Amino acid sequence: MMASRVFSEELHQIREVHIETESILQSLAALLNDVPCASCANVCCKEVLCRESIESDFLRFVLGARVDDYSLSDGWYVPGSGCRLSYGRPLVCYEYFCERFDTQAVDSLKQLSRAFKKVYCNVFAGQHILVVDDISRISKNKLRIVLGRLEGLRDQANRALREALLGQLAKRSSRSEVDSPYVAGTVPSQA
């Protein structure tokens, strides 16, 4: 049914920026020194949560043909490797409700993730885009507003990612200087 529908250029632009934003948020999460999900024995990811990605008209649109890869028993989760989705994840996946994510390093990621969900509020008849039955009915004007908000969020997330990368480089650089036998202004001893 999705393949036979025609979607506006604005929706296609939103899809592209949405995918870019998801990629940035996932990169930020991956930069955390202690990613709790990697070693978690009680994984939050359940099929009931994943189901939103195939039930939501918007997320089905974002996923495209990947919808066909959905597992009715496991959703998108693969034991031992985690989520199979690089984009089109349910927005709840960006909420990080586990208490193991309650560190200062995660605050920026949490704020961006909350903003990601809010970008799509009130897009059609007061509804969030995830519950709109037919996203092609959303007005072009409303879609332009959403696209503008989403582009702003993507840019903000990109800045946060750059800052996080620079912070990690600075830490590595300072560790390398401490470990180096060459200290500024000195000559290494001859053995």
Protein backbone atom coordinates (compact mmCIF):
# COMPACT_ATOMS: atom_id res chain seq x y z
CA MET A 1 0.00 0.00 0.00
CA MET A 2 2.84 2.44 0.87
CA ALA A 3 4.53 1.92 -2.51
CA SER A 4 1.46 3.03 -4.47
CA ARG A 5 1.07 6.29 -2.54
CA VAL A 6 2.61 9.57 -3.64
CA PHE A 7 4.40 11.60 -0.99
CA SER A 8 5.24 15.28 -1.19
CA GLU A 9 8.75 16.61 -1.70
CA GLU A 10 8.56 18.03 1.83
CA LEU A 11 7.97 14.56 3.29
CA HIS A 12 10.93 13.20 1.33
CA GLN A 13 13.10 16.04 2.65
CA ILE A 14 11.89 15.36 6.20
CA ARG A 15 12.76 11.67 5.71
CA GLU A 16 16.33 12.54 4.68
CA VAL A 17 16.90 14.96 7.56
CA HIS A 18 15.25 12.53 9.99
CA ILE A 19 17.69 9.79 8.94
CA GLU A 20 20.65 12.18 9.27
CA THR A 21 19.48 13.23 12.75
CA GLU A 22 19.06 9.62 13.87
CA SER A 23 22.55 8.85 12.66
CA ILE A 24 24.01 11.75 14.64
CA LEU A 25 22.12 10.77 17.82
CA GLN A 26 23.33 7.19 17.49
CA SER A 27 26.91 8.43 16.96
CA LEU A 28 26.64 10.53 20.12
CA ALA A 29 25.41 7.51 22.08
CA ALA A 30 28.26 5.40 20.70
CA LEU A 31 30.81 7.97 21.91
CA LEU A 32 29.87 7.44 25.54
CA ASN A 33 32.77 5.81 27.34
CA ASP A 34 30.50 3.38 29.14
CA VAL A 35 27.63 2.43 26.86
CA PRO A 36 25.35 0.57 29.29
CA CYS A 37 23.35 -1.20 26.56
CA ALA A 38 26.40 -3.10 25.33
CA SER A 39 26.72 -5.05 28.57
CA CYS A 40 23.11 -5.02 29.76
CA ALA A 41 21.59 -8.35 30.81
CA ASN A 42 18.08 -6.88 30.99
CA VAL A 43 17.64 -5.29 27.55
CA CYS A 44 14.85 -2.71 27.22
CA CYS A 45 14.32 -3.50 23.55
CA LYS A 46 11.20 -5.60 23.19
CA GLU A 47 9.05 -6.41 20.18
CA VAL A 48 6.18 -4.40 21.65
CA LEU A 49 8.37 -1.26 21.52
CA CYS A 50 9.72 -2.05 18.05
CA ARG A 51 6.19 -2.48 16.70
CA GLU A 52 5.71 1.30 16.54
CA SER A 53 8.12 1.39 13.60
CA ILE A 54 5.80 -0.73 11.47
CA GLU A 55 2.50 0.57 12.83
CA SER A 56 3.29 4.27 12.40
CA ASP A 57 2.66 5.54 8.86
CA PHE A 58 5.54 8.00 9.26
CA LEU A 59 8.09 5.45 10.47
CA ARG A 60 6.99 3.00 7.75
CA PHE A 61 7.68 5.79 5.27
CA VAL A 62 11.11 6.43 6.81
CA LEU A 63 11.95 2.71 6.77
CA GLY A 64 10.83 2.15 3.20
CA ALA A 65 11.48 -1.42 2.02
CA ARG A 66 13.22 -2.29 5.31
CA VAL A 67 9.74 -2.78 6.83
CA ASP A 68 9.73 -6.25 5.26
CA ASP A 69 12.69 -7.31 7.47
CA TYR A 70 10.67 -6.95 10.67
CA SER A 71 10.53 -10.01 12.97
CA LEU A 72 7.17 -10.60 14.64
CA SER A 73 8.90 -12.35 17.54
CA ASP A 74 11.95 -10.12 18.13
CA GLY A 75 11.12 -6.85 16.38
CA TRP A 76 14.41 -5.28 15.30
CA TYR A 77 16.45 -6.70 18.18
CA VAL A 78 19.14 -9.29 17.54
CA PRO A 79 20.53 -10.94 20.70
CA GLY A 80 24.22 -10.20 21.06
CA SER A 81 24.30 -7.32 18.60
CA GLY A 82 21.30 -5.13 19.45
CA CYS A 83 19.05 -3.18 17.13
CA ARG A 84 19.26 -3.92 13.43
CA LEU A 85 17.94 -0.47 12.51
CA SER A 86 20.21 2.41 11.68
CA TYR A 87 17.17 4.60 10.97
CA GLY A 88 13.41 4.49 11.36
CA ARG A 89 13.61 3.47 15.00
CA PRO A 90 10.63 4.22 17.23
CA LEU A 91 11.26 7.55 18.94
CA VAL A 92 10.97 5.85 22.33
CA CYS A 93 14.36 4.29 21.52
CA TYR A 94 15.89 7.73 21.97
CA GLU A 95 14.46 8.34 25.43
CA TYR A 96 17.08 6.37 27.40
CA PHE A 97 14.86 5.63 30.35
CA CYS A 98 17.35 3.26 31.98
CA GLU A 99 18.88 4.65 35.20
CA ARG A 100 22.29 3.56 33.92
CA PHE A 101 22.05 6.52 31.54
CA ASP A 102 21.79 9.01 34.40
CA THR A 103 25.23 10.58 34.02
CA GLN A 104 26.23 14.09 33.15
CA ALA A 105 27.82 12.92 29.89
CA VAL A 106 24.39 11.78 28.72
CA ASP A 107 22.51 15.00 29.54
CA SER A 108 23.13 16.58 26.14
CA LEU A 109 22.06 13.39 24.38
CA LYS A 110 18.90 13.19 26.49
CA GLN A 111 17.99 16.81 25.72
CA LEU A 112 18.52 16.29 21.99
CA SER A 113 16.52 13.07 22.09
CA ARG A 114 13.59 14.79 23.81
CA ALA A 115 13.74 17.59 21.24
CA PHE A 116 13.75 14.97 18.46
CA LYS A 117 10.42 13.63 19.69
CA LYS A 118 8.94 17.14 20.15
CA VAL A 119 9.78 18.20 16.58
CA TYR A 120 6.85 16.10 15.40
CA CYS A 121 4.20 17.28 17.90
CA ASN A 122 0.94 18.77 16.66
CA VAL A 123 1.51 18.13 12.96
CA PHE A 124 -2.05 17.16 12.07
CA ALA A 125 -5.22 17.81 14.07
CA GLY A 126 -3.16 18.21 17.25
CA GLN A 127 -1.58 14.78 16.78
CA HIS A 128 2.04 13.66 16.88
CA ILE A 129 3.27 12.49 13.48
CA LEU A 130 3.69 8.94 14.80
CA VAL A 131 -0.06 8.56 15.27
CA VAL A 132 -1.24 10.24 12.06
CA ASP A 133 -2.90 7.51 10.00
CA ASP A 134 -2.07 9.06 6.62
CA ILE A 135 0.95 11.37 6.61
CA SER A 136 0.19 12.48 3.05
CA ARG A 137 -2.74 14.47 4.51
CA ILE A 138 -0.40 16.76 6.50
CA SER A 139 -0.36 20.23 4.93
CA LYS A 140 2.72 21.44 3.07
CA ASN A 141 2.90 24.44 5.38
CA LYS A 142 2.98 22.23 8.50
CA LEU A 143 5.59 19.98 6.84
CA ARG A 144 7.78 23.01 6.08
CA ILE A 145 7.59 24.01 9.75
CA VAL A 146 8.54 20.48 10.83
CA LEU A 147 11.38 20.42 8.30
CA GLY A 148 12.74 23.72 9.64
CA ARG A 149 12.62 22.46 13.23
CA LEU A 150 14.22 19.17 12.24
CA GLU A 151 17.03 20.89 10.33
CA GLY A 152 17.69 23.09 13.36
CA LEU A 153 17.82 20.03 15.62
CA ARG A 154 20.11 18.20 13.19
CA ASP A 155 22.49 21.18 13.21
CA GLN A 156 22.39 21.35 17.01
CA ALA A 157 23.08 17.60 17.27
CA ASN A 158 25.93 17.96 14.77
CA ARG A 159 27.51 20.65 16.95
CA ALA A 160 27.15 18.42 20.01
CA LEU A 161 28.79 15.56 18.11
CA ARG A 162 31.69 17.75 17.02
CA GLU A 163 32.18 18.96 20.60
CA ALA A 164 32.10 15.39 21.90
CA LEU A 165 34.64 14.27 19.30
CA LEU A 166 36.91 17.21 20.09
CA GLY A 167 36.62 16.40 23.80
CA GLN A 168 37.64 12.81 23.16
CA LEU A 169 40.56 13.92 20.99
CA ALA A 170 41.70 16.31 23.71
CA LYS A 171 41.55 13.51 26.31
CA ARG A 172 43.53 11.16 24.08
CA SER A 173 46.04 13.87 23.30
CA SER A 174 46.61 14.70 26.97
CA ARG A 175 46.97 10.99 27.80
CA SER A 176 49.47 10.56 24.96
CA GLU A 177 51.54 13.47 26.24
CA VAL A 178 51.65 11.98 29.74
CA ASP A 179 52.63 8.56 28.38
CA SER A 180 55.24 9.98 26.02
CA PRO A 181 58.93 9.85 27.06
CA TYR A 182 59.31 13.26 25.46
CA VAL A 183 58.19 16.06 27.71
CA ALA A 184 58.24 19.58 26.33
CA GLY A 185 61.51 21.32 27.13
CA THR A 186 63.39 18.17 28.17
CA VAL A 187 65.66 15.69 26.50
CA PRO A 188 64.98 12.00 27.02
CA SER A 189 67.63 10.26 29.09
CA GLN A 190 70.12 8.04 27.30
CA ALA A 191 70.13 4.46 28.49
